[in-house]
PDB file of all heavy atoms in Angstrom:
ATOM      1  N   VAL A   1      -6.783 -28.329  -3.157  1.00  0.00           N
ATOM      2  CA  VAL A   1      -7.200 -27.968  -4.514  1.00  0.00           C
ATOM      3  C   VAL A   1      -6.158 -26.986  -5.026  1.00  0.00           C
ATOM      4  O   VAL A   1      -6.068 -25.852  -4.555  1.00  0.00           O
ATOM      5  CB  VAL A   1      -8.597 -27.321  -4.523  1.00  0.00           C
ATOM      6  CG1 VAL A   1      -8.984 -26.933  -5.945  1.00  0.00           C
ATOM      7  CG2 VAL A   1      -9.620 -28.252  -3.895  1.00  0.00           C
ATOM      8  N   PHE A   2      -5.331 -27.435  -5.975  1.00  0.00           N
ATOM      9  CA  PHE A   2      -4.207 -26.602  -6.417  1.00  0.00           C
ATOM     10  C   PHE A   2      -4.567 -25.748  -7.621  1.00  0.00           C
ATOM     11  O   PHE A   2      -5.227 -26.187  -8.552  1.00  0.00           O
ATOM     12  CB  PHE A   2      -2.987 -27.457  -6.766  1.00  0.00           C
ATOM     13  CG  PHE A   2      -1.825 -26.644  -7.249  1.00  0.00           C
ATOM     14  CD1 PHE A   2      -1.021 -25.974  -6.342  1.00  0.00           C
ATOM     15  CD2 PHE A   2      -1.565 -26.503  -8.609  1.00  0.00           C
ATOM     16  CE1 PHE A   2       0.035 -25.183  -6.779  1.00  0.00           C
ATOM     17  CE2 PHE A   2      -0.515 -25.732  -9.057  1.00  0.00           C
ATOM     18  CZ  PHE A   2       0.294 -25.064  -8.140  1.00  0.00           C
ATOM     19  N   LYS A   3      -4.075 -24.496  -7.593  1.00  0.00           N
ATOM     20  CA  LYS A   3      -4.207 -23.578  -8.721  1.00  0.00           C
ATOM     21  C   LYS A   3      -2.840 -22.958  -9.010  1.00  0.00           C
ATOM     22  O   LYS A   3      -2.149 -22.516  -8.101  1.00  0.00           O
ATOM     23  CB  LYS A   3      -5.201 -22.447  -8.396  1.00  0.00           C
ATOM     24  CG  LYS A   3      -6.650 -22.888  -8.296  1.00  0.00           C
ATOM     25  CD  LYS A   3      -7.507 -21.751  -7.763  1.00  0.00           C
ATOM     26  CE  LYS A   3      -7.440 -20.516  -8.627  1.00  0.00           C
ATOM     27  NZ  LYS A   3      -8.297 -19.411  -8.112  1.00  0.00           N
ATOM     28  N   GLY A   4      -2.461 -22.950 -10.289  1.00  0.00           N
ATOM     29  CA  GLY A   4      -1.206 -22.328 -10.673  1.00  0.00           C
ATOM     30  C   GLY A   4      -1.380 -20.835 -10.902  1.00  0.00           C
ATOM     31  O   GLY A   4      -2.460 -20.371 -11.259  1.00  0.00           O
ATOM     32  N   ALA A   5      -0.321 -20.078 -10.696  1.00  0.00           N
ATOM     33  CA  ALA A   5      -0.335 -18.635 -10.903  1.00  0.00           C
ATOM     34  C   ALA A   5       0.846 -18.239 -11.774  1.00  0.00           C
ATOM     35  O   ALA A   5       1.866 -18.941 -11.819  1.00  0.00           O
ATOM     36  CB  ALA A   5      -0.278 -17.898  -9.570  1.00  0.00           C
ATOM     37  N   VAL A   6       0.738 -17.118 -12.461  1.00  0.00           N
ATOM     38  CA  VAL A   6       1.816 -16.651 -13.337  1.00  0.00           C
ATOM     39  C   VAL A   6       3.003 -16.160 -12.519  1.00  0.00           C
ATOM     40  O   VAL A   6       4.153 -16.407 -12.859  1.00  0.00           O
ATOM     41  CB  VAL A   6       1.310 -15.532 -14.270  1.00  0.00           C
ATOM     42  CG1 VAL A   6       2.462 -14.953 -15.094  1.00  0.00           C
ATOM     43  CG2 VAL A   6       0.227 -16.066 -15.202  1.00  0.00           C
ATOM     44  N   LYS A   7       2.726 -15.455 -11.418  1.00  0.00           N
ATOM     45  CA  LYS A   7       3.780 -14.886 -10.587  1.00  0.00           C
ATOM     46  C   LYS A   7       3.559 -15.245  -9.115  1.00  0.00           C
ATOM     47  O   LYS A   7       2.428 -15.428  -8.681  1.00  0.00           O
ATOM     48  CB  LYS A   7       3.821 -13.366 -10.721  1.00  0.00           C
ATOM     49  CG  LYS A   7       4.076 -12.843 -12.122  1.00  0.00           C
ATOM     50  CD  LYS A   7       4.024 -11.322 -12.134  1.00  0.00           C
ATOM     51  CE  LYS A   7       4.240 -10.774 -13.533  1.00  0.00           C
ATOM     52  NZ  LYS A   7       4.160  -9.285 -13.552  1.00  0.00           N
ATOM     53  N   GLN A   8       4.641 -15.281  -8.362  1.00  0.00           N
ATOM     54  CA  GLN A   8       4.521 -15.525  -6.930  1.00  0.00           C
ATOM     55  C   GLN A   8       3.691 -14.435  -6.252  1.00  0.00           C
ATOM     56  O   GLN A   8       2.887 -14.717  -5.360  1.00  0.00           O
ATOM     57  CB  GLN A   8       5.907 -15.582  -6.278  1.00  0.00           C
ATOM     58  CG  GLN A   8       6.703 -16.822  -6.631  1.00  0.00           C
ATOM     59  CD  GLN A   8       7.837 -17.065  -5.665  1.00  0.00           C
ATOM     60  OE1 GLN A   8       7.622 -17.482  -4.525  1.00  0.00           O
ATOM     61  NE2 GLN A   8       9.053 -16.799  -6.103  1.00  0.00           N
ATOM     62  N   THR A   9       3.894 -13.201  -6.678  1.00  0.00           N
ATOM     63  CA  THR A   9       3.150 -12.093  -6.073  1.00  0.00           C
ATOM     64  C   THR A   9       1.654 -12.220  -6.317  1.00  0.00           C
ATOM     65  O   THR A   9       0.847 -11.764  -5.497  1.00  0.00           O
ATOM     66  CB  THR A   9       3.663 -10.747  -6.599  1.00  0.00           C
ATOM     67  OG1 THR A   9       3.747 -10.791  -8.030  1.00  0.00           O
ATOM     68  CG2 THR A   9       5.037 -10.429  -6.035  1.00  0.00           C
ATOM     69  N   ASP A  10       1.269 -12.858  -7.434  1.00  0.00           N
ATOM     70  CA  ASP A  10      -0.157 -13.069  -7.708  1.00  0.00           C
ATOM     71  C   ASP A  10      -0.787 -13.969  -6.653  1.00  0.00           C
ATOM     72  O   ASP A  10      -1.962 -13.815  -6.303  1.00  0.00           O
ATOM     73  CB  ASP A  10      -0.359 -13.700  -9.093  1.00  0.00           C
ATOM     74  CG  ASP A  10      -0.012 -12.757 -10.231  1.00  0.00           C
ATOM     75  OD1 ASP A  10       0.104 -11.539  -9.985  1.00  0.00           O
ATOM     76  OD2 ASP A  10       0.143 -13.237 -11.374  1.00  0.00           O
ATOM     77  N   THR A  11      -0.018 -14.918  -6.140  1.00  0.00           N
ATOM     78  CA  THR A  11      -0.574 -15.840  -5.140  1.00  0.00           C
ATOM     79  C   THR A  11      -0.919 -15.093  -3.856  1.00  0.00           C
ATOM     80  O   THR A  11      -1.924 -15.387  -3.212  1.00  0.00           O
ATOM     81  CB  THR A  11       0.406 -16.983  -4.818  1.00  0.00           C
ATOM     82  OG1 THR A  11       1.551 -16.477  -4.128  1.00  0.00           O
ATOM     83  CG2 THR A  11       0.858 -17.694  -6.090  1.00  0.00           C
ATOM     84  N   LEU A  12      -0.097 -14.138  -3.486  1.00  0.00           N
ATOM     85  CA  LEU A  12      -0.361 -13.357  -2.278  1.00  0.00           C
ATOM     86  C   LEU A  12      -1.598 -12.480  -2.455  1.00  0.00           C
ATOM     87  O   LEU A  12      -2.395 -12.310  -1.517  1.00  0.00           O
ATOM     88  CB  LEU A  12       0.845 -12.478  -1.930  1.00  0.00           C
ATOM     89  CG  LEU A  12       2.146 -13.221  -1.620  1.00  0.00           C
ATOM     90  CD1 LEU A  12       3.245 -12.224  -1.236  1.00  0.00           C
ATOM     91  CD2 LEU A  12       1.960 -14.244  -0.516  1.00  0.00           C
ATOM     92  N   LEU A  13      -1.774 -11.950  -3.646  1.00  0.00           N
ATOM     93  CA  LEU A  13      -2.961 -11.138  -3.935  1.00  0.00           C
ATOM     94  C   LEU A  13      -4.226 -11.953  -3.747  1.00  0.00           C
ATOM     95  O   LEU A  13      -5.213 -11.471  -3.181  1.00  0.00           O
ATOM     96  CB  LEU A  13      -2.895 -10.593  -5.366  1.00  0.00           C
ATOM     97  CG  LEU A  13      -1.917  -9.446  -5.626  1.00  0.00           C
ATOM     98  CD1 LEU A  13      -1.808  -9.185  -7.129  1.00  0.00           C
ATOM     99  CD2 LEU A  13      -2.379  -8.177  -4.918  1.00  0.00           C
ATOM    100  N   GLU A  14      -4.204 -13.196  -4.224  1.00  0.00           N
ATOM    101  CA  GLU A  14      -5.411 -14.031  -4.135  1.00  0.00           C
ATOM    102  C   GLU A  14      -5.721 -14.456  -2.699  1.00  0.00           C
ATOM    103  O   GLU A  14      -6.879 -14.484  -2.291  1.00  0.00           O
ATOM    104  CB  GLU A  14      -5.277 -15.256  -5.042  1.00  0.00           C
ATOM    105  CG  GLU A  14      -5.313 -14.918  -6.532  1.00  0.00           C
ATOM    106  CD  GLU A  14      -5.914 -16.028  -7.355  1.00  0.00           C
ATOM    107  OE1 GLU A  14      -6.866 -16.684  -6.881  1.00  0.00           O
ATOM    108  OE2 GLU A  14      -5.432 -16.247  -8.480  1.00  0.00           O
ATOM    109  N   VAL A  15      -4.687 -14.777  -1.940  1.00  0.00           N
ATOM    110  CA  VAL A  15      -4.926 -15.108  -0.524  1.00  0.00           C
ATOM    111  C   VAL A  15      -5.454 -13.876   0.202  1.00  0.00           C
ATOM    112  O   VAL A  15      -6.380 -13.968   1.019  1.00  0.00           O
ATOM    113  CB  VAL A  15      -3.640 -15.620   0.141  1.00  0.00           C
ATOM    114  CG1 VAL A  15      -3.860 -15.825   1.638  1.00  0.00           C
ATOM    115  CG2 VAL A  15      -3.190 -16.933  -0.493  1.00  0.00           C
ATOM    116  N   ASN A  16      -4.896 -12.736  -0.115  1.00  0.00           N
ATOM    117  CA  ASN A  16      -5.302 -11.486   0.531  1.00  0.00           C
ATOM    118  C   ASN A  16      -6.755 -11.147   0.227  1.00  0.00           C
ATOM    119  O   ASN A  16      -7.465 -10.578   1.066  1.00  0.00           O
ATOM    120  CB  ASN A  16      -4.390 -10.350   0.074  1.00  0.00           C
ATOM    121  CG  ASN A  16      -4.254  -9.259   1.104  1.00  0.00           C
ATOM    122  OD1 ASN A  16      -4.275  -9.518   2.302  1.00  0.00           O
ATOM    123  ND2 ASN A  16      -4.108  -8.029   0.654  1.00  0.00           N
ATOM    124  N   SER A  17      -7.205 -11.503  -0.976  1.00  0.00           N
ATOM    125  CA  SER A  17      -8.579 -11.202  -1.379  1.00  0.00           C
ATOM    126  C   SER A  17      -9.532 -12.361  -1.122  1.00  0.00           C
ATOM    127  O   SER A  17     -10.693 -12.332  -1.541  1.00  0.00           O
ATOM    128  CB  SER A  17      -8.621 -10.822  -2.859  1.00  0.00           C
ATOM    129  OG  SER A  17      -8.190 -11.905  -3.668  1.00  0.00           O
ATOM    130  N   SER A  18      -9.028 -13.419  -0.462  1.00  0.00           N
ATOM    131  CA  SER A  18      -9.824 -14.591  -0.065  1.00  0.00           C
ATOM    132  C   SER A  18     -10.331 -15.427  -1.243  1.00  0.00           C
ATOM    133  O   SER A  18     -11.291 -16.184  -1.099  1.00  0.00           O
ATOM    134  CB  SER A  18     -11.014 -14.156   0.803  1.00  0.00           C
ATOM    135  OG  SER A  18     -10.562 -13.530   1.986  1.00  0.00           O
ATOM    136  N   THR A  19      -9.683 -15.318  -2.406  1.00  0.00           N
ATOM    137  CA  THR A  19     -10.028 -16.200  -3.526  1.00  0.00           C
ATOM    138  C   THR A  19      -9.220 -17.497  -3.465  1.00  0.00           C
ATOM    139  O   THR A  19      -9.416 -18.394  -4.286  1.00  0.00           O
ATOM    140  CB  THR A  19      -9.809 -15.505  -4.875  1.00  0.00           C
ATOM    141  OG1 THR A  19      -8.463 -15.032  -4.950  1.00  0.00           O
ATOM    142  CG2 THR A  19     -10.770 -14.332  -5.037  1.00  0.00           C
ATOM    143  N   ALA A  20      -8.300 -17.568  -2.515  1.00  0.00           N
ATOM    144  CA  ALA A  20      -7.547 -18.793  -2.227  1.00  0.00           C
ATOM    145  C   ALA A  20      -7.283 -18.822  -0.727  1.00  0.00           C
ATOM    146  O   ALA A  20      -7.296 -17.784  -0.061  1.00  0.00           O
ATOM    147  CB  ALA A  20      -6.241 -18.827  -3.004  1.00  0.00           C
ATOM    148  N   ASP A  21      -7.034 -20.019  -0.208  1.00  0.00           N
ATOM    149  CA  ASP A  21      -6.848 -20.167   1.235  1.00  0.00           C
ATOM    150  C   ASP A  21      -5.387 -20.047   1.670  1.00  0.00           C
ATOM    151  O   ASP A  21      -5.107 -19.615   2.783  1.00  0.00           O
ATOM    152  CB  ASP A  21      -7.382 -21.524   1.690  1.00  0.00           C
ATOM    153  CG  ASP A  21      -8.872 -21.659   1.422  1.00  0.00           C
ATOM    154  OD1 ASP A  21      -9.642 -20.839   1.950  1.00  0.00           O
ATOM    155  OD2 ASP A  21      -9.247 -22.580   0.662  1.00  0.00           O
ATOM    156  N   PHE A  22      -4.484 -20.463   0.798  1.00  0.00           N
ATOM    157  CA  PHE A  22      -3.062 -20.365   1.150  1.00  0.00           C
ATOM    158  C   PHE A  22      -2.209 -20.289  -0.108  1.00  0.00           C
ATOM    159  O   PHE A  22      -2.643 -20.658  -1.202  1.00  0.00           O
ATOM    160  CB  PHE A  22      -2.626 -21.554   2.013  1.00  0.00           C
ATOM    161  CG  PHE A  22      -2.533 -22.867   1.282  1.00  0.00           C
ATOM    162  CD1 PHE A  22      -1.330 -23.326   0.766  1.00  0.00           C
ATOM    163  CD2 PHE A  22      -3.661 -23.673   1.122  1.00  0.00           C
ATOM    164  CE1 PHE A  22      -1.239 -24.540   0.100  1.00  0.00           C
ATOM    165  CE2 PHE A  22      -3.587 -24.901   0.468  1.00  0.00           C
ATOM    166  CZ  PHE A  22      -2.368 -25.326  -0.051  1.00  0.00           C
ATOM    167  N   ALA A  23      -1.014 -19.786   0.079  1.00  0.00           N
ATOM    168  CA  ALA A  23      -0.046 -19.705  -1.011  1.00  0.00           C
ATOM    169  C   ALA A  23       1.259 -20.324  -0.552  1.00  0.00           C
ATOM    170  O   ALA A  23       1.611 -20.249   0.628  1.00  0.00           O
ATOM    171  CB  ALA A  23       0.183 -18.258  -1.418  1.00  0.00           C
ATOM    172  N   VAL A  24       1.973 -20.940  -1.484  1.00  0.00           N
ATOM    173  CA  VAL A  24       3.320 -21.425  -1.211  1.00  0.00           C
ATOM    174  C   VAL A  24       4.284 -20.585  -2.034  1.00  0.00           C
ATOM    175  O   VAL A  24       4.194 -20.556  -3.266  1.00  0.00           O
ATOM    176  CB  VAL A  24       3.473 -22.918  -1.558  1.00  0.00           C
ATOM    177  CG1 VAL A  24       4.920 -23.363  -1.318  1.00  0.00           C
ATOM    178  CG2 VAL A  24       2.522 -23.763  -0.733  1.00  0.00           C
ATOM    179  N   VAL A  25       5.173 -19.880  -1.355  1.00  0.00           N
ATOM    180  CA  VAL A  25       6.122 -18.988  -2.014  1.00  0.00           C
ATOM    181  C   VAL A  25       7.507 -19.140  -1.394  1.00  0.00           C
ATOM    182  O   VAL A  25       7.658 -19.749  -0.333  1.00  0.00           O
ATOM    183  CB  VAL A  25       5.675 -17.506  -1.912  1.00  0.00           C
ATOM    184  CG1 VAL A  25       4.344 -17.282  -2.609  1.00  0.00           C
ATOM    185  CG2 VAL A  25       5.597 -17.066  -0.456  1.00  0.00           C
ATOM    186  N   ASP A  26       8.488 -18.561  -2.041  1.00  0.00           N
ATOM    187  CA  ASP A  26       9.841 -18.557  -1.491  1.00  0.00           C
ATOM    188  C   ASP A  26       9.885 -17.712  -0.227  1.00  0.00           C
ATOM    189  O   ASP A  26       9.283 -16.629  -0.158  1.00  0.00           O
ATOM    190  CB  ASP A  26      10.816 -17.979  -2.510  1.00  0.00           C
ATOM    191  CG  ASP A  26      11.142 -18.949  -3.631  1.00  0.00           C
ATOM    192  OD1 ASP A  26      10.398 -19.929  -3.790  1.00  0.00           O
ATOM    193  OD2 ASP A  26      12.126 -18.720  -4.348  1.00  0.00           O
ATOM    194  N   ALA A  27      10.632 -18.182   0.754  1.00  0.00           N
ATOM    195  CA  ALA A  27      10.774 -17.436   2.009  1.00  0.00           C
ATOM    196  C   ALA A  27      11.357 -16.056   1.768  1.00  0.00           C
ATOM    197  O   ALA A  27      10.985 -15.087   2.431  1.00  0.00           O
ATOM    198  CB  ALA A  27      11.663 -18.217   2.973  1.00  0.00           C
ATOM    199  N   GLN A  28      12.288 -15.951   0.796  1.00  0.00           N
ATOM    200  CA  GLN A  28      12.895 -14.652   0.510  1.00  0.00           C
ATOM    201  C   GLN A  28      11.841 -13.633   0.094  1.00  0.00           C
ATOM    202  O   GLN A  28      11.849 -12.480   0.541  1.00  0.00           O
ATOM    203  CB  GLN A  28      13.956 -14.787  -0.586  1.00  0.00           C
ATOM    204  CG  GLN A  28      15.116 -15.696  -0.231  1.00  0.00           C
ATOM    205  CD  GLN A  28      15.968 -15.138   0.900  1.00  0.00           C
ATOM    206  OE1 GLN A  28      15.795 -14.010   1.341  1.00  0.00           O
ATOM    207  NE2 GLN A  28      16.892 -15.940   1.396  1.00  0.00           N
ATOM    208  N   LEU A  29      10.909 -14.044  -0.746  1.00  0.00           N
ATOM    209  CA  LEU A  29       9.829 -13.150  -1.159  1.00  0.00           C
ATOM    210  C   LEU A  29       8.871 -12.886  -0.011  1.00  0.00           C
ATOM    211  O   LEU A  29       8.462 -11.736   0.224  1.00  0.00           O
ATOM    212  CB  LEU A  29       9.079 -13.754  -2.352  1.00  0.00           C
ATOM    213  CG  LEU A  29       7.884 -12.943  -2.885  1.00  0.00           C
ATOM    214  CD1 LEU A  29       7.826 -13.000  -4.405  1.00  0.00           C
ATOM    215  CD2 LEU A  29       6.562 -13.459  -2.304  1.00  0.00           C
ATOM    216  N   ALA A  30       8.502 -13.928   0.705  1.00  0.00           N
ATOM    217  CA  ALA A  30       7.530 -13.784   1.803  1.00  0.00           C
ATOM    218  C   ALA A  30       8.003 -12.765   2.829  1.00  0.00           C
ATOM    219  O   ALA A  30       7.217 -11.948   3.325  1.00  0.00           O
ATOM    220  CB  ALA A  30       7.287 -15.137   2.466  1.00  0.00           C
ATOM    221  N   LYS A  31       9.299 -12.795   3.148  1.00  0.00           N
ATOM    222  CA  LYS A  31       9.826 -11.871   4.146  1.00  0.00           C
ATOM    223  C   LYS A  31       9.743 -10.424   3.693  1.00  0.00           C
ATOM    224  O   LYS A  31       9.725  -9.510   4.516  1.00  0.00           O
ATOM    225  CB  LYS A  31      11.274 -12.250   4.489  1.00  0.00           C
ATOM    226  CG  LYS A  31      11.395 -13.522   5.319  1.00  0.00           C
ATOM    227  CD  LYS A  31      12.825 -13.792   5.730  1.00  0.00           C
ATOM    228  CE  LYS A  31      13.679 -14.226   4.561  1.00  0.00           C
ATOM    229  NZ  LYS A  31      15.041 -14.647   5.013  1.00  0.00           N
ATOM    230  N   SER A  32       9.678 -10.208   2.379  1.00  0.00           N
ATOM    231  CA  SER A  32       9.602  -8.838   1.851  1.00  0.00           C
ATOM    232  C   SER A  32       8.185  -8.292   1.834  1.00  0.00           C
ATOM    233  O   SER A  32       7.992  -7.075   1.791  1.00  0.00           O
ATOM    234  CB  SER A  32      10.175  -8.798   0.425  1.00  0.00           C
ATOM    235  OG  SER A  32      11.552  -9.097   0.418  1.00  0.00           O
ATOM    236  N   TYR A  33       7.171  -9.173   1.851  1.00  0.00           N
ATOM    237  CA  TYR A  33       5.790  -8.738   1.692  1.00  0.00           C
ATOM    238  C   TYR A  33       4.890  -9.034   2.900  1.00  0.00           C
ATOM    239  O   TYR A  33       4.106  -8.181   3.323  1.00  0.00           O
ATOM    240  CB  TYR A  33       5.167  -9.413   0.459  1.00  0.00           C
ATOM    241  CG  TYR A  33       5.732  -8.966  -0.859  1.00  0.00           C
ATOM    242  CD1 TYR A  33       6.814  -9.619  -1.436  1.00  0.00           C
ATOM    243  CD2 TYR A  33       5.170  -7.899  -1.557  1.00  0.00           C
ATOM    244  CE1 TYR A  33       7.333  -9.220  -2.657  1.00  0.00           C
ATOM    245  CE2 TYR A  33       5.677  -7.499  -2.776  1.00  0.00           C
ATOM    246  CZ  TYR A  33       6.759  -8.157  -3.322  1.00  0.00           C
ATOM    247  OH  TYR A  33       7.279  -7.762  -4.531  1.00  0.00           O
ATOM    248  N   VAL A  34       4.981 -10.243   3.410  1.00  0.00           N
ATOM    249  CA  VAL A  34       4.009 -10.725   4.404  1.00  0.00           C
ATOM    250  C   VAL A  34       4.101  -9.949   5.717  1.00  0.00           C
ATOM    251  O   VAL A  34       5.185  -9.724   6.257  1.00  0.00           O
ATOM    252  CB  VAL A  34       4.209 -12.227   4.654  1.00  0.00           C
ATOM    253  CG1 VAL A  34       3.319 -12.725   5.782  1.00  0.00           C
ATOM    254  CG2 VAL A  34       3.932 -13.015   3.370  1.00  0.00           C
ATOM    255  N   GLY A  35       2.915  -9.529   6.191  1.00  0.00           N
ATOM    256  CA  GLY A  35       2.841  -8.791   7.437  1.00  0.00           C
ATOM    257  C   GLY A  35       3.144  -7.312   7.303  1.00  0.00           C
ATOM    258  O   GLY A  35       3.233  -6.597   8.302  1.00  0.00           O
ATOM    259  N   LYS A  36       3.259  -6.840   6.060  1.00  0.00           N
ATOM    260  CA  LYS A  36       3.598  -5.437   5.814  1.00  0.00           C
ATOM    261  C   LYS A  36       2.596  -4.791   4.860  1.00  0.00           C
ATOM    262  O   LYS A  36       2.067  -5.448   3.963  1.00  0.00           O
ATOM    263  CB  LYS A  36       5.004  -5.330   5.207  1.00  0.00           C
ATOM    264  CG  LYS A  36       6.096  -5.980   6.032  1.00  0.00           C
ATOM    265  CD  LYS A  36       7.427  -5.963   5.297  1.00  0.00           C
ATOM    266  CE  LYS A  36       8.508  -6.678   6.084  1.00  0.00           C
ATOM    267  NZ  LYS A  36       9.800  -6.715   5.356  1.00  0.00           N
ATOM    268  N   GLY A  37       2.342  -3.510   5.033  1.00  0.00           N
ATOM    269  CA  GLY A  37       1.526  -2.740   4.102  1.00  0.00           C
ATOM    270  C   GLY A  37       0.210  -3.399   3.766  1.00  0.00           C
ATOM    271  O   GLY A  37      -0.577  -3.754   4.659  1.00  0.00           O
ATOM    272  N   ASP A  38      -0.045  -3.572   2.461  1.00  0.00           N
ATOM    273  CA  ASP A  38      -1.295  -4.181   2.002  1.00  0.00           C
ATOM    274  C   ASP A  38      -1.438  -5.641   2.437  1.00  0.00           C
ATOM    275  O   ASP A  38      -2.524  -6.211   2.369  1.00  0.00           O
ATOM    276  CB  ASP A  38      -1.390  -4.108   0.478  1.00  0.00           C
ATOM    277  CG  ASP A  38      -1.538  -2.676  -0.028  1.00  0.00           C
ATOM    278  OD1 ASP A  38      -1.983  -1.822   0.764  1.00  0.00           O
ATOM    279  OD2 ASP A  38      -1.190  -2.430  -1.190  1.00  0.00           O
ATOM    280  N   TYR A  39      -0.324  -6.241   2.874  1.00  0.00           N
ATOM    281  CA  TYR A  39      -0.341  -7.653   3.274  1.00  0.00           C
ATOM    282  C   TYR A  39      -0.173  -7.815   4.774  1.00  0.00           C
ATOM    283  O   TYR A  39       0.300  -8.853   5.258  1.00  0.00           O
ATOM    284  CB  TYR A  39       0.756  -8.414   2.529  1.00  0.00           C
ATOM    285  CG  TYR A  39       0.609  -8.347   1.031  1.00  0.00           C
ATOM    286  CD1 TYR A  39       1.422  -7.497   0.282  1.00  0.00           C
ATOM    287  CD2 TYR A  39      -0.348  -9.107   0.371  1.00  0.00           C
ATOM    288  CE1 TYR A  39       1.288  -7.412  -1.097  1.00  0.00           C
ATOM    289  CE2 TYR A  39      -0.493  -9.033  -1.002  1.00  0.00           C
ATOM    290  CZ  TYR A  39       0.327  -8.181  -1.732  1.00  0.00           C
ATOM    291  OH  TYR A  39       0.180  -8.102  -3.081  1.00  0.00           O
ATOM    292  N   ALA A  40      -0.581  -6.807   5.532  1.00  0.00           N
ATOM    293  CA  ALA A  40      -0.430  -6.832   6.989  1.00  0.00           C
ATOM    294  C   ALA A  40      -1.232  -7.942   7.648  1.00  0.00           C
ATOM    295  O   ALA A  40      -0.895  -8.397   8.744  1.00  0.00           O
ATOM    296  CB  ALA A  40      -0.823  -5.480   7.582  1.00  0.00           C
ATOM    297  N   ASN A  41      -2.305  -8.388   6.983  1.00  0.00           N
ATOM    298  CA  ASN A  41      -3.155  -9.428   7.574  1.00  0.00           C
ATOM    299  C   ASN A  41      -2.743 -10.840   7.150  1.00  0.00           C
ATOM    300  O   ASN A  41      -3.460 -11.808   7.413  1.00  0.00           O
ATOM    301  CB  ASN A  41      -4.617  -9.192   7.206  1.00  0.00           C
ATOM    302  CG  ASN A  41      -4.868  -9.306   5.713  1.00  0.00           C
ATOM    303  OD1 ASN A  41      -3.975  -9.041   4.906  1.00  0.00           O
ATOM    304  ND2 ASN A  41      -6.077  -9.681   5.331  1.00  0.00           N
ATOM    305  N   LEU A  42      -1.582 -10.967   6.512  1.00  0.00           N
ATOM    306  CA  LEU A  42      -1.076 -12.288   6.126  1.00  0.00           C
ATOM    307  C   LEU A  42       0.031 -12.720   7.080  1.00  0.00           C
ATOM    308  O   LEU A  42       0.711 -11.890   7.691  1.00  0.00           O
ATOM    309  CB  LEU A  42      -0.529 -12.264   4.693  1.00  0.00           C
ATOM    310  CG  LEU A  42      -1.508 -11.914   3.573  1.00  0.00           C
ATOM    311  CD1 LEU A  42      -0.808 -12.071   2.218  1.00  0.00           C
ATOM    312  CD2 LEU A  42      -2.762 -12.770   3.632  1.00  0.00           C
ATOM    313  N   MET A  43       0.228 -14.034   7.182  1.00  0.00           N
ATOM    314  CA  MET A  43       1.271 -14.573   8.048  1.00  0.00           C
ATOM    315  C   MET A  43       1.856 -15.842   7.440  1.00  0.00           C
ATOM    316  O   MET A  43       1.243 -16.497   6.585  1.00  0.00           O
ATOM    317  CB  MET A  43       0.714 -14.897   9.438  1.00  0.00           C
ATOM    318  CG  MET A  43      -0.404 -15.936   9.425  1.00  0.00           C
ATOM    319  SD  MET A  43      -0.966 -16.439  11.093  1.00  0.00           S
ATOM    320  CE  MET A  43       0.350 -17.579  11.528  1.00  0.00           C
TER     321      MET A  43
END
């Protein structure tokens, strides 16, 4: 079930808050956020 987002960072927020199950983002962005700080529980 696909949902569009305005920004890539918005997709991570929604996965983090469990309003979505997964996000597809650029690896360059993912490496800067995923597994760190507020996104420590993402992989």
